[in-house]
């Protein structure tokens, strides 16, 4: 499992915003992943989407890495932020954009 943890860790550390999701940003393959993609796209956030459906090892590995049972999972500046519900609640409460701003992540859209 070390190999998959190293991969996840390097993606999380190497990108400002990473979304581990089912499918791709252009073609989400679950509604929850799709909702997070819509929010990030709406805010104009530059992020990397990683499709966990390409590998069972990755799909299991990300759950163990974050100790979070569901996908999608959003990481900002190396920190696990949450899944769909958390991201949606932060967005609806107007907290997501200031959070990203504090982390030094540019978001173009309106809060």
Protein backbone atom coordinates (compact mmCIF):
# COMPACT_ATOMS: atom_id res chain seq x y z
CA UNK A 1 0.00 0.00 0.00
CA UNK A 2 3.01 2.30 0.40
CA UNK A 3 3.10 2.98 -3.33
CA UNK A 4 -0.47 4.29 -3.46
CA UNK A 5 0.05 6.39 -0.33
CA UNK A 6 3.14 7.95 -1.89
CA UNK A 7 1.15 8.74 -5.05
CA UNK A 8 -1.72 10.30 -3.08
CA UNK A 9 0.67 12.24 -0.88
CA UNK A 10 2.62 13.65 -3.84
CA UNK A 11 -0.62 14.71 -5.59
CA UNK A 12 -1.98 16.33 -2.42
CA UNK A 13 1.30 18.11 -1.66
CA UNK A 14 2.12 18.95 -5.29
CA UNK A 15 -1.14 20.67 -6.27
CA UNK A 16 -2.85 23.62 -4.58
CA UNK A 17 -6.31 22.10 -5.06
CA UNK A 18 -6.93 18.40 -5.71
CA UNK A 19 -10.28 16.66 -6.04
CA UNK A 20 -10.27 12.90 -5.74
CA UNK A 21 -13.50 12.01 -7.53
CA UNK A 22 -15.43 9.41 -9.47
CA UNK A 23 -14.90 10.30 -13.11
CA UNK A 24 -13.19 13.42 -14.40
CA UNK A 25 -13.99 17.15 -14.09
CA UNK A 26 -15.31 17.06 -17.67
CA UNK A 27 -17.31 13.89 -17.10
CA UNK A 28 -18.14 13.21 -13.43
CA UNK A 29 -19.46 9.70 -12.89
CA UNK A 30 -21.37 10.31 -9.67
CA UNK A 31 -23.70 13.08 -8.58
CA UNK A 32 -21.65 14.02 -5.53
CA UNK A 33 -18.45 14.40 -7.55
CA UNK A 34 -20.45 16.39 -10.09
CA UNK A 35 -21.72 18.81 -7.43
CA UNK A 36 -18.21 19.57 -6.17
CA UNK A 37 -17.00 20.05 -9.77
CA UNK A 38 -19.88 22.49 -10.39
CA UNK A 39 -19.00 24.50 -7.27
CA UNK A 40 -15.27 24.65 -8.09
CA UNK A 41 -16.03 25.56 -11.71
CA UNK A 42 -18.52 28.22 -10.62
CA UNK A 43 -15.90 29.77 -8.36
CA UNK A 44 -13.33 29.56 -11.14
CA UNK A 45 -10.91 27.54 -9.03
CA UNK A 46 -7.99 25.91 -10.83
CA UNK A 47 -7.84 22.34 -9.57
CA UNK A 48 -6.70 18.87 -10.50
CA UNK A 49 -9.29 16.12 -10.69
CA UNK A 50 -8.10 12.57 -10.04
CA UNK A 51 -10.38 9.75 -11.12
CA UNK A 52 -10.46 7.08 -8.39
CA UNK A 53 -12.38 4.71 -10.69
CA UNK A 54 -9.17 3.99 -12.60
CA UNK A 55 -7.88 1.86 -9.72
CA UNK A 56 -9.40 -0.08 -6.83
CA UNK A 57 -6.16 0.50 -4.95
CA UNK A 58 -6.50 4.26 -5.38
CA UNK A 59 -10.19 4.23 -4.44
CA UNK A 60 -9.44 2.33 -1.23
CA UNK A 61 -6.18 4.15 -0.61
CA UNK A 62 -7.71 7.64 -0.58
CA UNK A 63 -10.27 6.56 2.02
CA UNK A 64 -7.50 5.29 4.27
CA UNK A 65 -5.28 8.30 3.56
CA UNK A 66 -7.90 10.77 4.77
CA UNK A 67 -9.70 8.44 7.17
CA UNK A 68 -12.86 9.56 5.34
CA UNK A 69 -15.24 6.90 3.98
CA UNK A 70 -16.65 8.61 0.91
CA UNK A 71 -15.59 10.13 -2.40
CA UNK A 72 -15.25 12.90 -3.60
CA UNK A 73 -12.56 14.32 -1.34
CA UNK A 74 -11.21 17.84 -1.71
CA UNK A 75 -7.71 18.83 -0.62
CA UNK A 76 -6.49 22.42 -0.50
CA UNK A 77 -2.80 23.18 0.06
CA UNK A 78 -2.19 19.67 1.36
CA UNK A 79 -5.11 19.77 3.80
CA UNK A 80 -8.21 17.57 3.61
CA UNK A 81 -11.23 19.89 3.47
CA UNK A 82 -14.08 17.42 3.12
CA UNK A 83 -16.51 15.65 0.87
CA UNK A 84 -19.54 16.82 -1.08
CA UNK A 85 -21.75 17.77 1.90
CA UNK A 86 -19.05 19.83 3.59
CA UNK A 87 -18.03 21.61 0.38
CA UNK A 88 -21.68 22.32 -0.49
CA UNK A 89 -22.42 23.66 3.02
CA UNK A 90 -19.31 25.88 2.97
CA UNK A 91 -20.30 27.15 -0.49
CA UNK A 92 -23.91 27.87 0.47
CA UNK A 93 -22.82 29.61 3.67
CA UNK A 94 -20.42 31.80 1.69
CA UNK A 95 -17.43 30.30 3.51
CA UNK A 96 -15.72 28.42 0.71
CA UNK A 97 -14.37 31.37 -1.23
CA UNK A 98 -12.89 33.16 1.84
CA UNK A 99 -11.40 29.82 2.93
CA UNK A 100 -9.73 29.40 -0.46
CA UNK A 101 -8.57 33.02 -0.33
CA UNK A 102 -6.97 32.49 3.08
CA UNK A 103 -5.15 29.50 1.64
CA UNK A 104 -3.89 31.64 -1.24
CA UNK A 105 -6.02 29.94 -3.88
CA UNK A 106 -7.48 32.25 -6.49
CA UNK A 107 -11.23 31.97 -7.04
CA UNK A 108 -12.76 34.09 -9.78
CA UNK A 109 -16.47 33.56 -9.23
CA UNK A 110 -18.86 35.49 -7.00
CA UNK A 111 -19.40 34.19 -3.47
